[in-house]
Amino acid sequence: MPEPSVSNLSNLRAPITRRNWIALTSGAIAMTALHGGSNVNGNHPLAHACLASDDSIPKKKVAAVVTVYRKNSHADVLVGKILEGWQQDGGPGPALELVSLYVDQFPEEDLSVKLAEKHGFLMCKTIRESITLGGNDVAVDGVLSIGEHGDYPWNEFGQHLYPRKRFFEEITDTFASCKRVVPVFNDKNPGPEWVDAQWMYRRAKELQVPWMAGSSLPVSFRSPDANLKMGSKVEACVGIGYSGLDIYGIHTLEFLQCILERRAGAESGVRSVQAVPTTQIGRLLAEGIIDGNLMDLGLAVTNTDRTAVLESPPSDGAVFLIDYKDGLMVPVLMLPGLAQGIAAAVKPAGEAGFATRVEEREKPYYPHFAYLLKGIEAMIHTDKPTYPVERNMLTAGTLDQLLVSLREGSRKIATPDLEIAYQPTDYSYAPHLPLDGLHEETALKR
C-alpha cells in the first residue's frame, strides 16, 4: 500500500499512530554527556585549543553518501573536516577515515573527483558499493548521509525534496542484506516530508540502527552564551528565525528545541500547530500569545528592527504557533529579510527572561560543523547516538505540518502523531565541547 500523501497530513494516523510511536520510543535512550567543559577565549576557539589529535585512537572507516560535493556545501564542511582536519587546513581532525564516497549529482564546480585523487578514497557508482567497497559485507564503521544542496524538485508546501529517504532506504537495504548495521548520521531533518521521516524512523528501529540526525546549530556558538538550566520550569518562549520557511525553519526549530527540551518534565511532544501570516503579529501581541518582552529580547540579539516587524512584516514570512502537550505555547516569528539571525528568548519561572542568538561563523571554515562532526565521531566510535533522534523527528514533523497549515489557509492542525516523548541529554555546544581525542564524557552512556 502506498504511503499517505503529504496533503492528508491533517488526518494522518498511519503509518505511526500515537500508540505505536509510544511503543517505539518507550525504550528511548536516557543518557548524559559533557556539559560545560573548558571555555576557550579568542575569536576562533578552534584556532587556539582542543585541536590535538590522539594518535592512540584508531580511526574508524566511514562512507559518505551526498547529493553534491562543491565548495561550502554541507558535504564540503562535514566530509572535508574528515579529510583535512577540523579547520580544513591539513591540521588535526576527527578519529575518522573517509574510505568511500557516493555522489548523486556532479555540477561543474564538483570537488569530489579531485579530492578522491588527492586522498585516495573510493568513488562509488552506487550507495551499496560505498558501504561494501564492492564486496559482500559492510566494510565501514559508519555512514554519513548528506542530502542537502543540489538540483531537486519542490512540492506545493515549499519543501525542497532532497533524497534523504532514498539514501536511507538504500543504506539500510544494504545493512539488511549484509546482516550487519553500523551508525548512520542524517544531515538536517529526516524526510523532509513527514511520511518519509516516519518511514526512516520505523526502519531504523526495525534494524536497530544507531541513528542521529539534525542541524549543526544546536551545537554552535551562542551570543550571549546562555542556556536553560536542566529541569527548569518555563513560563514563556518566543523564537526568531530568518530566510526560507523550509530551509531555515528547520534550523530555527532545532535551535529552539535543543533549549526547550531541557525544561521540567522532559519532552512530551506537540499537540497542535498553526502557521499564520506575519500581519497577525500585532494581534498576537495584543492577545498575549506573543510575550512582548521576550519578543523584544529576541529581536535585540538578532539586530532586528521592531518597528519594521510591526509596520512592514515580510509577506513571505510566517508566525509558527507550536502548542506543546505540556501547555507551553511557543510563537516563532519567521522574518525573512528583516531578522538577522536565529534566536530563542525564554522566561524561566521565577527568573528574568533571557535571549540567545545562535552564531553561524564562517571562519575557520564554518566551525559549527566541526562540533556537529564531533558528536557524529562519538556515535561511530561507541555505536550510541550522542543525542536522541526523537528531537529531530519532533522538529521535522512540526515543520512539515506548519507548512501544511500555512498552505491550507492557516488551519490549526491537531498533531497526535507528534506527541513524541523523550528524555533529552545534557549535551553542550561550542566552544564547551573539546575537539581533542574522543573524551568518554562525549560518548553518552545508557
Protein backbone atom coordinates (compact mmCIF):
# COMPACT_ATOMS: atom_id res chain seq x y z
CA MET A 1 0.00 0.00 0.00
CA PRO A 2 1.42 3.45 -0.89
CA GLU A 3 2.27 5.88 1.89
CA PRO A 4 -0.35 8.60 2.57
CA SER A 5 0.27 11.79 0.61
CA VAL A 6 1.54 14.85 2.45
CA SER A 7 -1.73 16.65 1.64
CA ASN A 8 -3.53 14.26 4.01
CA LEU A 9 -1.29 15.05 6.97
CA SER A 10 -4.11 16.69 8.91
CA ASN A 11 -5.81 13.29 9.18
CA LEU A 12 -2.62 11.27 9.41
CA ARG A 13 -2.75 8.39 11.87
CA ALA A 14 -0.63 5.94 9.87
CA PRO A 15 1.94 4.62 9.39
CA ILE A 16 2.77 5.52 13.03
CA THR A 17 -0.09 6.05 15.46
CA ARG A 18 0.42 7.70 18.83
CA ARG A 19 0.17 4.28 20.49
CA ASN A 20 2.69 2.78 18.06
CA TRP A 21 5.00 5.75 18.47
CA ILE A 22 4.93 5.42 22.25
CA ALA A 23 5.71 1.73 21.88
CA LEU A 24 8.65 2.57 19.65
CA THR A 25 10.01 5.32 21.86
CA SER A 26 9.29 3.84 25.28
CA GLY A 27 12.80 2.44 25.23
CA ALA A 28 14.40 5.69 24.11
CA ILE A 29 17.87 6.17 25.47
CA ALA A 30 18.24 8.38 28.54
CA MET A 31 21.84 9.50 28.51
CA THR A 32 24.07 12.15 29.97
CA ALA A 33 27.07 13.86 28.41
CA LEU A 34 29.63 16.58 28.80
CA HIS A 35 28.09 19.88 29.94
CA GLY A 36 30.20 22.96 30.11
CA GLY A 37 33.78 21.90 29.57
CA SER A 38 36.73 24.21 29.29
CA ASN A 39 35.95 27.64 27.94
CA VAL A 40 38.28 28.90 25.26
CA ASN A 41 38.90 32.57 24.75
CA GLY A 42 39.55 34.27 21.43
CA ASN A 43 37.66 34.94 18.23
CA HIS A 44 38.10 31.44 16.86
CA PRO A 45 38.36 28.82 19.63
CA LEU A 46 39.20 26.15 17.07
CA ALA A 47 42.40 28.01 16.36
CA HIS A 48 43.55 28.20 19.97
CA ALA A 49 42.95 24.96 21.83
CA CYS A 50 41.49 21.48 21.90
CA LEU A 51 42.89 20.57 18.50
CA ALA A 52 45.48 17.93 19.27
CA SER A 53 44.80 14.58 17.63
CA ASP A 54 45.25 11.49 19.77
CA ASP A 55 47.17 9.05 17.61
CA SER A 56 46.40 6.28 20.09
CA ILE A 57 42.76 6.34 18.99
CA PRO A 58 42.35 4.17 15.89
CA LYS A 59 40.40 5.82 13.12
CA LYS A 60 37.03 4.38 12.19
CA LYS A 61 36.30 3.92 8.50
CA VAL A 62 33.32 5.83 7.15
CA ALA A 63 31.38 6.11 3.92
CA ALA A 64 29.71 9.34 2.83
CA VAL A 65 26.57 9.49 0.69
CA VAL A 66 25.95 13.02 -0.59
CA THR A 67 23.78 14.89 -3.05
CA VAL A 68 26.56 17.19 -4.30
CA TYR A 69 30.12 17.96 -3.25
CA ARG A 70 31.03 21.55 -4.05
CA LYS A 71 32.76 24.27 -2.06
CA ASN A 72 30.82 25.31 1.06
CA SER A 73 28.20 22.60 0.57
CA HIS A 74 27.26 20.54 3.60
CA ALA A 75 29.32 17.72 2.13
CA ASP A 76 32.33 20.03 1.99
CA VAL A 77 32.04 21.40 5.52
CA LEU A 78 31.40 17.98 7.09
CA VAL A 79 33.28 15.42 4.99
CA GLY A 80 36.01 17.98 4.31
CA LYS A 81 36.83 18.03 8.02
CA ILE A 82 37.38 14.26 7.96
CA LEU A 83 39.73 14.69 5.01
CA GLU A 84 41.59 17.84 6.04
CA GLY A 85 41.06 18.45 9.76
CA TRP A 86 38.72 20.44 11.99
CA GLN A 87 39.73 23.71 10.27
CA GLN A 88 40.18 22.07 6.83
CA ASP A 89 43.75 23.28 6.71
CA GLY A 90 45.59 19.96 6.98
CA GLY A 91 45.72 20.10 10.76
CA PRO A 92 44.30 17.78 13.44
CA GLY A 93 40.89 16.27 12.84
CA PRO A 94 38.50 13.56 13.97
CA ALA A 95 39.39 9.92 14.51
CA LEU A 96 37.60 9.03 11.30
CA GLU A 97 38.84 7.99 7.84
CA LEU A 98 36.80 8.51 4.69
CA VAL A 99 37.20 5.36 2.60
CA SER A 100 34.36 5.79 0.10
CA LEU A 101 32.04 8.40 -1.37
CA TYR A 102 28.82 8.24 -3.36
CA VAL A 103 27.82 11.49 -5.08
CA ASP A 104 24.32 11.83 -6.57
CA GLN A 105 24.89 14.88 -8.80
CA PHE A 106 28.01 16.40 -10.37
CA PRO A 107 27.70 20.15 -11.04
CA GLU A 108 30.51 21.94 -12.86
CA GLU A 109 32.02 23.07 -9.56
CA ASP A 110 32.27 19.49 -8.21
CA LEU A 111 35.19 18.86 -5.86
CA SER A 112 34.80 15.15 -5.22
CA VAL A 113 36.79 13.74 -8.14
CA LYS A 114 39.90 15.80 -7.40
CA LEU A 115 39.60 15.08 -3.68
CA ALA A 116 39.47 11.34 -4.40
CA GLU A 117 42.68 11.65 -6.40
CA LYS A 118 44.30 13.60 -3.56
CA HIS A 119 43.15 11.46 -0.61
CA GLY A 120 42.71 8.04 -2.19
CA PHE A 121 39.14 7.24 -1.17
CA LEU A 122 36.91 5.18 -3.47
CA MET A 123 34.45 6.99 -5.72
CA CYS A 124 31.40 4.75 -5.91
CA LYS A 125 28.67 4.39 -8.52
CA THR A 126 26.10 3.10 -6.03
CA ILE A 127 25.31 3.61 -2.35
CA ARG A 128 25.70 -0.12 -1.78
CA GLU A 129 29.22 -0.04 -3.20
CA SER A 130 30.16 2.80 -0.85
CA ILE A 131 29.18 0.64 2.13
CA THR A 132 30.55 -2.71 0.96
CA LEU A 133 33.52 -1.34 -1.02
CA GLY A 134 32.47 -3.70 -3.80
CA GLY A 135 32.32 -6.79 -1.58
CA ASN A 136 29.50 -8.71 0.05
CA ASP A 137 29.78 -7.35 3.59
CA VAL A 138 29.50 -3.99 5.33
CA ALA A 139 33.09 -2.74 5.14
CA VAL A 140 32.76 0.57 7.04
CA ASP A 141 32.15 1.58 10.65
CA GLY A 142 29.71 4.37 9.93
CA VAL A 143 27.83 6.27 7.22
CA LEU A 144 27.24 10.00 6.75
CA SER A 145 24.13 10.68 4.66
CA ILE A 146 24.12 14.29 3.49
CA GLY A 147 21.06 15.19 1.45
CA GLU A 148 21.45 18.94 1.18
CA HIS A 149 22.12 21.14 -1.88
CA GLY A 150 21.66 20.08 -5.48
CA ASP A 151 19.03 20.22 -8.22
CA TYR A 152 15.94 18.56 -6.76
CA PRO A 153 12.21 19.34 -7.01
CA TRP A 154 9.99 21.26 -4.62
CA ASN A 155 6.47 20.33 -3.53
CA GLU A 156 3.42 22.55 -3.18
CA PHE A 157 4.18 23.16 0.51
CA GLY A 158 7.55 24.74 -0.24
CA GLN A 159 9.62 21.74 0.80
CA HIS A 160 12.82 21.02 -1.12
CA LEU A 161 12.59 17.30 -1.80
CA TYR A 162 16.13 16.15 -1.19
CA PRO A 163 16.50 12.36 -1.49
CA ARG A 164 17.10 11.70 2.20
CA LYS A 165 14.59 8.87 2.37
CA ARG A 166 16.00 7.24 -0.78
CA PHE A 167 19.52 7.48 0.61
CA PHE A 168 18.44 5.96 3.93
CA GLU A 169 16.49 3.21 2.21
CA GLU A 170 19.47 2.15 0.09
CA ILE A 171 21.81 2.35 3.10
CA THR A 172 19.55 0.21 5.28
CA ASP A 173 18.76 -2.22 2.46
CA THR A 174 22.49 -2.85 2.28
CA PHE A 175 22.62 -3.41 6.03
CA ALA A 176 19.72 -5.86 5.83
CA SER A 177 21.19 -7.90 3.01
CA CYS A 178 24.61 -7.99 4.70
CA LYS A 179 23.07 -8.73 8.12
CA ARG A 180 25.11 -6.01 9.82
CA VAL A 181 24.31 -2.43 10.80
CA VAL A 182 26.60 0.48 11.61
CA PRO A 183 25.79 4.01 12.85
CA VAL A 184 24.25 6.48 10.39
CA PHE A 185 24.12 10.26 10.58
CA ASN A 186 21.41 12.03 8.55
CA ASP A 187 22.21 15.69 7.89
CA LYS A 188 19.40 18.13 8.78
CA ASN A 189 15.84 16.83 9.14
CA PRO A 190 14.70 13.33 8.22
CA GLY A 191 12.22 13.28 5.36
CA PRO A 192 11.86 16.10 4.54
CA GLU A 193 8.20 15.07 4.10
CA TRP A 194 6.77 13.74 7.34
CA VAL A 195 5.61 10.41 5.94
CA ASP A 196 9.17 9.78 4.73
CA ALA A 197 10.63 10.77 8.09
CA GLN A 198 8.27 8.33 9.80
CA TRP A 199 9.36 5.57 7.45
CA MET A 200 13.02 6.30 8.21
CA TYR A 201 12.40 6.19 11.97
CA ARG A 202 10.48 2.95 11.73
CA ARG A 203 13.22 1.41 9.56
CA ALA A 204 15.98 2.43 11.96
CA LYS A 205 14.06 0.89 14.88
CA GLU A 206 13.34 -2.28 12.92
CA LEU A 207 17.02 -2.85 12.11
CA GLN A 208 18.31 -1.33 15.38
CA VAL A 209 20.48 1.17 13.52
CA PRO A 210 22.27 3.71 15.76
CA TRP A 211 20.90 6.83 14.11
CA MET A 212 21.42 10.55 14.54
CA ALA A 213 20.12 13.47 12.53
CA GLY A 214 19.86 17.20 12.62
CA SER A 215 21.23 20.69 12.15
CA SER A 216 24.64 21.96 13.24
CA LEU A 217 23.10 24.94 15.03
CA PRO A 218 22.24 23.22 18.36
CA VAL A 219 25.99 22.72 18.91
CA SER A 220 27.12 26.08 17.52
CA PHE A 221 28.36 29.16 19.38
CA ARG A 222 25.79 31.40 21.07
CA SER A 223 25.69 35.12 21.69
CA PRO A 224 25.33 35.73 24.53
CA ASP A 225 26.49 32.33 25.76
CA ALA A 226 23.36 31.19 27.61
CA ASN A 227 21.25 28.10 28.13
CA LEU A 228 18.24 26.92 30.09
CA LYS A 229 19.14 25.06 33.27
CA MET A 230 18.17 21.41 33.01
CA GLY A 231 14.84 20.80 34.74
CA SER A 232 13.71 24.44 34.79
CA LYS A 233 10.05 25.35 34.53
CA VAL A 234 9.38 27.59 31.54
CA GLU A 235 6.65 30.23 31.60
CA ALA A 236 7.03 31.53 28.05
CA CYS A 237 9.21 31.42 24.98
CA VAL A 238 9.49 33.26 21.66
CA GLY A 239 11.57 32.16 18.68
CA ILE A 240 13.04 34.36 15.95
CA GLY A 241 14.07 32.99 12.55
CA TYR A 242 15.02 34.23 9.13
CA SER A 243 15.38 33.11 5.49
CA GLY A 244 13.16 30.50 3.80
CA LEU A 245 10.48 28.77 5.85
CA ASP A 246 11.67 25.30 4.83
CA ILE A 247 15.45 25.66 4.62
CA TYR A 248 15.83 27.80 7.76
CA GLY A 249 12.62 26.90 9.50
CA ILE A 250 14.20 23.59 10.46
CA HIS A 251 17.33 25.30 11.81
CA THR A 252 15.15 27.64 13.87
CA LEU A 253 13.04 24.84 15.32
CA GLU A 254 16.09 22.68 16.07
CA PHE A 255 17.78 25.52 17.96
CA LEU A 256 14.62 26.22 19.94
CA GLN A 257 14.05 22.57 20.72
CA CYS A 258 17.58 21.90 22.00
CA ILE A 259 16.86 24.56 24.64
CA LEU A 260 13.20 23.84 25.40
CA GLU A 261 13.69 20.09 25.77
CA ARG A 262 15.65 20.88 28.94
CA ARG A 263 12.52 22.16 30.72
CA ALA A 264 10.96 20.36 33.67
CA GLY A 265 9.28 17.06 32.87
CA ALA A 266 11.45 16.37 29.79
CA GLU A 267 9.81 16.42 26.38
CA SER A 268 6.26 15.16 25.83
CA GLY A 269 5.66 16.44 22.30
CA VAL A 270 3.41 18.81 20.38
CA ARG A 271 -0.40 18.60 20.35
CA SER A 272 -1.19 21.13 17.63
CA VAL A 273 0.39 23.61 15.23
CA GLN A 274 -0.77 26.60 13.23
CA ALA A 275 1.05 28.95 10.86
CA VAL A 276 -0.37 32.44 10.36
CA PRO A 277 0.74 35.43 8.26
CA THR A 278 3.15 37.94 9.78
CA THR A 279 0.40 40.57 9.55
CA GLN A 280 -1.05 38.87 12.64
CA ILE A 281 1.92 39.77 14.86
CA GLY A 282 0.19 42.85 16.30
CA ARG A 283 -2.94 40.88 17.17
CA LEU A 284 -0.92 38.07 18.74
CA LEU A 285 0.94 40.62 20.87
CA ALA A 286 -2.31 42.26 21.98
CA GLU A 287 -3.80 38.89 22.93
CA GLY A 288 -0.70 37.90 24.89
CA ILE A 289 0.09 34.93 22.67
CA ILE A 290 3.41 36.59 21.88
CA ASP A 291 5.18 37.80 25.04
CA GLY A 292 6.21 41.35 24.13
CA ASN A 293 9.23 41.45 26.42
CA LEU A 294 10.59 38.17 25.07
CA MET A 295 9.95 39.27 21.51
CA ASP A 296 11.94 42.43 22.15
CA LEU A 297 14.81 40.44 23.67
CA GLY A 298 14.86 38.13 20.67
CA LEU A 299 14.73 40.99 18.17
CA ALA A 300 17.53 42.78 20.01
CA VAL A 301 20.00 39.88 19.92
CA THR A 302 19.29 39.38 16.20
CA ASN A 303 19.62 43.10 15.40
CA THR A 304 16.08 43.17 14.04
CA ASP A 305 14.11 46.41 13.72
CA ARG A 306 10.98 46.15 15.91
CA THR A 307 9.18 48.94 14.08
CA ALA A 308 9.70 47.23 10.73
CA VAL A 309 8.41 43.94 12.14
CA LEU A 310 5.18 45.60 13.26
CA GLU A 311 4.67 48.02 10.39
CA SER A 312 6.21 46.22 7.40
CA PRO A 313 6.32 42.50 8.19
CA PRO A 314 7.63 40.29 5.38
CA SER A 315 4.89 38.78 3.24
CA ASP A 316 6.96 35.65 2.66
CA GLY A 317 7.35 35.06 6.41
CA ALA A 318 5.03 33.48 8.94
CA VAL A 319 4.35 33.10 12.64
CA PHE A 320 4.58 29.48 13.69
CA LEU A 321 2.36 28.67 16.69
CA ILE A 322 3.50 25.50 18.43
CA ASP A 323 1.25 24.17 21.20
CA TYR A 324 3.23 21.71 23.29
CA LYS A 325 1.44 18.89 25.09
CA ASP A 326 2.52 20.25 28.49
CA GLY A 327 0.68 23.52 27.80
CA LEU A 328 3.58 25.69 26.65
CA MET A 329 2.62 27.78 23.61
CA VAL A 330 5.62 28.94 21.58
CA PRO A 331 5.27 31.53 18.80
CA VAL A 332 8.13 31.56 16.30
CA LEU A 333 8.49 34.68 14.16
CA MET A 334 9.96 33.74 10.79
CA LEU A 335 11.09 37.09 9.37
CA PRO A 336 12.98 36.70 6.08
CA GLY A 337 14.59 39.97 5.01
CA LEU A 338 14.20 41.52 8.48
CA ALA A 339 15.66 39.22 11.11
CA GLN A 340 19.44 38.99 11.03
CA GLY A 341 19.73 35.64 12.79
CA ILE A 342 18.07 32.85 14.75
CA ALA A 343 17.30 33.31 18.44
CA ALA A 344 15.42 31.86 21.37
CA ALA A 345 14.00 34.08 24.10
CA VAL A 346 12.95 32.17 27.21
CA LYS A 347 11.30 33.10 30.54
CA PRO A 348 12.14 30.51 33.23
CA ALA A 349 9.74 30.50 36.17
CA GLY A 350 10.83 32.89 38.91
CA GLU A 351 13.69 34.32 36.84
CA ALA A 352 14.26 37.11 34.36
CA GLY A 353 13.87 36.23 30.72
CA PHE A 354 16.94 35.79 28.54
CA ALA A 355 17.64 35.59 24.82
CA THR A 356 20.47 33.99 22.90
CA ARG A 357 21.32 34.06 19.22
CA VAL A 358 22.98 31.12 17.53
CA GLU A 359 26.10 32.10 15.60
CA GLU A 360 26.82 30.91 12.06
CA ARG A 361 30.51 31.73 11.85
CA GLU A 362 32.28 31.29 8.54
CA LYS A 363 35.81 31.19 9.96
CA PRO A 364 37.67 29.00 10.46
CA TYR A 365 35.73 27.17 7.73
CA TYR A 366 32.26 27.01 9.32
CA PRO A 367 33.37 25.81 12.76
CA HIS A 368 29.91 24.78 13.98
CA PHE A 369 30.12 21.83 11.62
CA ALA A 370 33.26 20.70 13.45
CA TYR A 371 31.24 20.47 16.66
CA LEU A 372 28.49 18.60 14.83
CA LEU A 373 31.09 16.19 13.46
CA LYS A 374 32.44 15.68 16.99
CA GLY A 375 29.08 14.26 18.02
CA ILE A 376 28.99 12.06 14.91
CA GLU A 377 32.50 10.82 15.69
CA ALA A 378 31.43 9.84 19.22
CA MET A 379 28.46 7.86 17.87
CA ILE A 380 30.58 5.99 15.33
CA HIS A 381 33.14 5.05 17.98
CA THR A 382 30.56 3.95 20.57
CA ASP A 383 27.58 2.73 18.47
CA LYS A 384 25.42 5.02 20.63
CA PRO A 385 23.67 8.19 19.38
CA THR A 386 25.13 11.27 21.02
CA TYR A 387 21.68 12.80 21.46
CA PRO A 388 18.22 11.36 20.73
CA VAL A 389 16.93 11.39 17.16
CA GLU A 390 13.44 11.91 18.61
CA ARG A 391 14.32 15.62 18.88
CA ASN A 392 14.86 15.71 15.14
CA MET A 393 11.72 13.71 14.45
CA LEU A 394 9.73 16.20 16.51
CA THR A 395 11.14 19.23 14.70
CA ALA A 396 10.80 17.57 11.27
CA GLY A 397 7.16 16.70 11.83
CA THR A 398 6.38 20.07 13.38
CA LEU A 399 7.84 21.99 10.43
CA ASP A 400 6.12 19.73 7.91
CA GLN A 401 2.70 20.30 9.39
CA LEU A 402 3.30 24.02 9.90
CA LEU A 403 3.95 24.31 6.16
CA VAL A 404 0.74 22.38 5.51
CA SER A 405 -1.15 24.76 7.81
CA LEU A 406 0.19 27.82 6.01
CA ARG A 407 -0.67 26.39 2.60
CA GLU A 408 -4.17 25.49 3.76
CA GLY A 409 -5.20 28.94 4.95
CA SER A 410 -3.64 28.87 8.43
CA ARG A 411 -5.70 25.91 9.51
CA LYS A 412 -4.96 24.71 13.04
CA ILE A 413 -3.79 21.10 12.84
CA ALA A 414 -4.07 18.63 15.69
CA THR A 415 -0.90 16.54 15.84
CA PRO A 416 -1.38 13.38 17.90
CA ASP A 417 1.44 11.80 15.87
CA LEU A 418 3.78 14.48 17.27
CA GLU A 419 3.20 13.58 20.92
CA ILE A 420 6.77 12.33 20.91
CA ALA A 421 8.09 11.84 24.42
CA TYR A 422 11.82 11.54 25.01
CA GLN A 423 14.47 12.20 27.64
CA PRO A 424 16.96 14.86 26.49
CA THR A 425 20.69 14.65 27.02
CA ASP A 426 22.68 17.28 28.86
CA TYR A 427 24.91 17.85 25.84
CA SER A 428 26.82 21.09 25.45
CA TYR A 429 27.77 23.28 22.50
CA ALA A 430 30.65 25.35 21.13
CA PRO A 431 33.11 26.22 22.49
CA HIS A 432 32.49 23.99 25.50
CA LEU A 433 32.92 20.70 23.65
CA PRO A 434 36.61 19.76 23.40
CA LEU A 435 37.62 18.51 19.98
CA ASP A 436 40.82 16.74 21.01
CA GLY A 437 40.55 12.98 21.40
CA LEU A 438 37.23 11.28 21.98
CA HIS A 439 36.65 12.03 25.67
CA GLU A 440 34.44 9.46 27.30
CA GLU A 441 32.21 12.28 28.50
CA THR A 442 31.13 12.99 24.94
CA ALA A 443 30.16 9.38 24.34
CA LEU A 444 26.80 9.17 26.03
CA LYS A 445 26.04 6.36 28.45
CA ARG A 446 22.91 4.30 28.62
